[in-house]
Amino acid sequence: MMWATWWVWVVAGFGLGILEVALPGFIFLGFAIGAIATGALIWLGALGANLPLLLLVFAFASLLAWAVLRRVFGIRAGQVKLWDRDIND
């Protein structure tokens, strides 16, 4: 029942945060925030040892964190735009 221990989720979150520093691109940062949030919820007693529920909370928290990061640090002015259709259509 290692997945039900709060500090395992927090350590995994920090590990993913370190991986984000090594491989930047806002890919692992959302997962890191989701893992730390899941660990915090376990620590507060809001979640039990139910693995499917923990994974669902982790996935939802990661998706929410990614959406917020995308909103805050999204496409910058002057960034290359990708075209979906031909200009002559």
C-alpha atoms as a PDB file:
ATOM      1  CA  MET A   1       0.000   0.000   0.000  1.00  0.00           C
ATOM      2  CA  MET A   2       2.803   2.320  -0.857  1.00  0.00           C
ATOM      3  CA  TRP A   3       0.518   4.399  -3.084  1.00  0.00           C
ATOM      4  CA  ALA A   4      -1.606   5.346  -0.038  1.00  0.00           C
ATOM      5  CA  THR A   5       1.339   7.048   1.690  1.00  0.00           C
ATOM      6  CA  TRP A   6       1.262  10.812   1.242  1.00  0.00           C
ATOM      7  CA  TRP A   7       5.006  11.359   1.154  1.00  0.00           C
ATOM      8  CA  VAL A   8       5.442   8.907  -1.748  1.00  0.00           C
ATOM      9  CA  TRP A   9       3.223  11.137  -3.898  1.00  0.00           C
ATOM     10  CA  VAL A  10       5.060  14.278  -2.778  1.00  0.00           C
ATOM     11  CA  VAL A  11       8.502  12.765  -3.480  1.00  0.00           C
ATOM     12  CA  ALA A  12       7.252  11.604  -6.905  1.00  0.00           C
ATOM     13  CA  GLY A  13       5.980  15.145  -7.539  1.00  0.00           C
ATOM     14  CA  PHE A  14       9.336  16.669  -6.669  1.00  0.00           C
ATOM     15  CA  GLY A  15      11.062  14.070  -8.834  1.00  0.00           C
ATOM     16  CA  LEU A  16       8.852  15.042 -11.760  1.00  0.00           C
ATOM     17  CA  GLY A  17       9.584  18.705 -11.022  1.00  0.00           C
ATOM     18  CA  ILE A  18      13.320  18.011 -11.204  1.00  0.00           C
ATOM     19  CA  LEU A  19      12.740  16.131 -14.456  1.00  0.00           C
ATOM     20  CA  GLU A  20      10.908  19.203 -15.779  1.00  0.00           C
ATOM     21  CA  VAL A  21      13.969  21.334 -15.045  1.00  0.00           C
ATOM     22  CA  ALA A  22      16.162  18.875 -16.932  1.00  0.00           C
ATOM     23  CA  LEU A  23      13.719  18.522 -19.863  1.00  0.00           C
ATOM     24  CA  PRO A  24      11.767  21.817 -20.065  1.00  0.00           C
ATOM     25  CA  GLY A  25       8.557  22.142 -21.977  1.00  0.00           C
ATOM     26  CA  PHE A  26       5.776  22.182 -19.343  1.00  0.00           C
ATOM     27  CA  ILE A  27       5.162  18.469 -19.844  1.00  0.00           C
ATOM     28  CA  PHE A  28       6.185  17.057 -16.473  1.00  0.00           C
ATOM     29  CA  LEU A  29       5.241  20.135 -14.434  1.00  0.00           C
ATOM     30  CA  GLY A  30       1.512  19.411 -14.625  1.00  0.00           C
ATOM     31  CA  PHE A  31       2.124  15.833 -13.479  1.00  0.00           C
ATOM     32  CA  ALA A  32       4.347  17.121 -10.663  1.00  0.00           C
ATOM     33  CA  ILE A  33       1.645  19.483  -9.437  1.00  0.00           C
ATOM     34  CA  GLY A  34      -0.942  16.701  -9.689  1.00  0.00           C
ATOM     35  CA  ALA A  35       1.218  14.314  -7.650  1.00  0.00           C
ATOM     36  CA  ILE A  36       1.870  16.913  -4.951  1.00  0.00           C
ATOM     37  CA  ALA A  37      -1.834  17.791  -4.816  1.00  0.00           C
ATOM     38  CA  THR A  38      -2.730  14.097  -4.469  1.00  0.00           C
ATOM     39  CA  GLY A  39      -0.179  13.722  -1.673  1.00  0.00           C
ATOM     40  CA  ALA A  40      -1.598  16.780   0.070  1.00  0.00           C
ATOM     41  CA  LEU A  41      -5.134  15.385  -0.128  1.00  0.00           C
ATOM     42  CA  ILE A  42      -3.969  12.067   1.345  1.00  0.00           C
ATOM     43  CA  TRP A  43      -2.147  13.933   4.118  1.00  0.00           C
ATOM     44  CA  LEU A  44      -5.276  15.948   4.920  1.00  0.00           C
ATOM     45  CA  GLY A  45      -7.280  12.730   5.114  1.00  0.00           C
ATOM     46  CA  ALA A  46      -9.545  13.552   2.168  1.00  0.00           C
ATOM     47  CA  LEU A  47      -8.540  10.401   0.271  1.00  0.00           C
ATOM     48  CA  GLY A  48      -8.246   6.803   1.365  1.00  0.00           C
ATOM     49  CA  ALA A  49      -6.189   3.893   0.089  1.00  0.00           C
ATOM     50  CA  ASN A  50      -8.371   3.225  -2.936  1.00  0.00           C
ATOM     51  CA  LEU A  51      -5.891   3.084  -5.857  1.00  0.00           C
ATOM     52  CA  PRO A  52      -8.407   3.782  -8.681  1.00  0.00           C
ATOM     53  CA  LEU A  53      -9.651   6.872  -6.824  1.00  0.00           C
ATOM     54  CA  LEU A  54      -6.096   8.069  -6.194  1.00  0.00           C
ATOM     55  CA  LEU A  55      -5.227   7.684  -9.871  1.00  0.00           C
ATOM     56  CA  LEU A  56      -8.409   9.523 -10.876  1.00  0.00           C
ATOM     57  CA  VAL A  57      -7.619  12.413  -8.536  1.00  0.00           C
ATOM     58  CA  PHE A  58      -4.022  12.469  -9.799  1.00  0.00           C
ATOM     59  CA  ALA A  59      -5.186  12.553 -13.431  1.00  0.00           C
ATOM     60  CA  PHE A  60      -7.753  15.287 -12.791  1.00  0.00           C
ATOM     61  CA  ALA A  61      -5.319  17.416 -10.759  1.00  0.00           C
ATOM     62  CA  SER A  62      -2.638  17.007 -13.438  1.00  0.00           C
ATOM     63  CA  LEU A  63      -5.048  17.989 -16.203  1.00  0.00           C
ATOM     64  CA  LEU A  64      -6.250  21.003 -14.247  1.00  0.00           C
ATOM     65  CA  ALA A  65      -2.667  22.060 -13.506  1.00  0.00           C
ATOM     66  CA  TRP A  66      -1.723  21.661 -17.167  1.00  0.00           C
ATOM     67  CA  ALA A  67      -4.715  23.777 -18.263  1.00  0.00           C
ATOM     68  CA  VAL A  68      -3.812  26.542 -15.807  1.00  0.00           C
ATOM     69  CA  LEU A  69      -0.151  26.450 -16.868  1.00  0.00           C
ATOM     70  CA  ARG A  70      -1.213  26.565 -20.517  1.00  0.00           C
ATOM     71  CA  ARG A  71      -3.416  29.581 -19.787  1.00  0.00           C
ATOM     72  CA  VAL A  72      -0.712  31.434 -17.862  1.00  0.00           C
ATOM     73  CA  PHE A  73       2.358  30.460 -19.907  1.00  0.00           C
ATOM     74  CA  GLY A  74       0.630  29.662 -23.208  1.00  0.00           C
ATOM     75  CA  ILE A  75       1.419  30.930 -26.668  1.00  0.00           C
ATOM     76  CA  ARG A  76       3.526  34.057 -26.519  1.00  0.00           C
ATOM     77  CA  ALA A  77       3.330  37.009 -28.875  1.00  0.00           C
ATOM     78  CA  GLY A  78       5.658  36.505 -31.813  1.00  0.00           C
ATOM     79  CA  GLN A  79       5.569  32.732 -31.593  1.00  0.00           C
ATOM     80  CA  VAL A  80       5.380  30.846 -34.865  1.00  0.00           C
ATOM     81  CA  LYS A  81       1.814  30.219 -36.006  1.00  0.00           C
ATOM     82  CA  LEU A  82       0.862  26.914 -37.577  1.00  0.00           C
ATOM     83  CA  TRP A  83      -1.552  27.105 -40.499  1.00  0.00           C
ATOM     84  CA  ASP A  84      -4.346  24.550 -40.815  1.00  0.00           C
ATOM     85  CA  ARG A  85      -5.327  25.337 -44.396  1.00  0.00           C
ATOM     86  CA  ASP A  86      -3.750  26.623 -47.547  1.00  0.00           C
ATOM     87  CA  ILE A  87      -3.834  30.373 -48.134  1.00  0.00           C
ATOM     88  CA  ASN A  88      -5.227  29.806 -51.662  1.00  0.00           C
ATOM     89  CA  ASP A  89      -8.345  27.920 -50.463  1.00  0.00           C
END
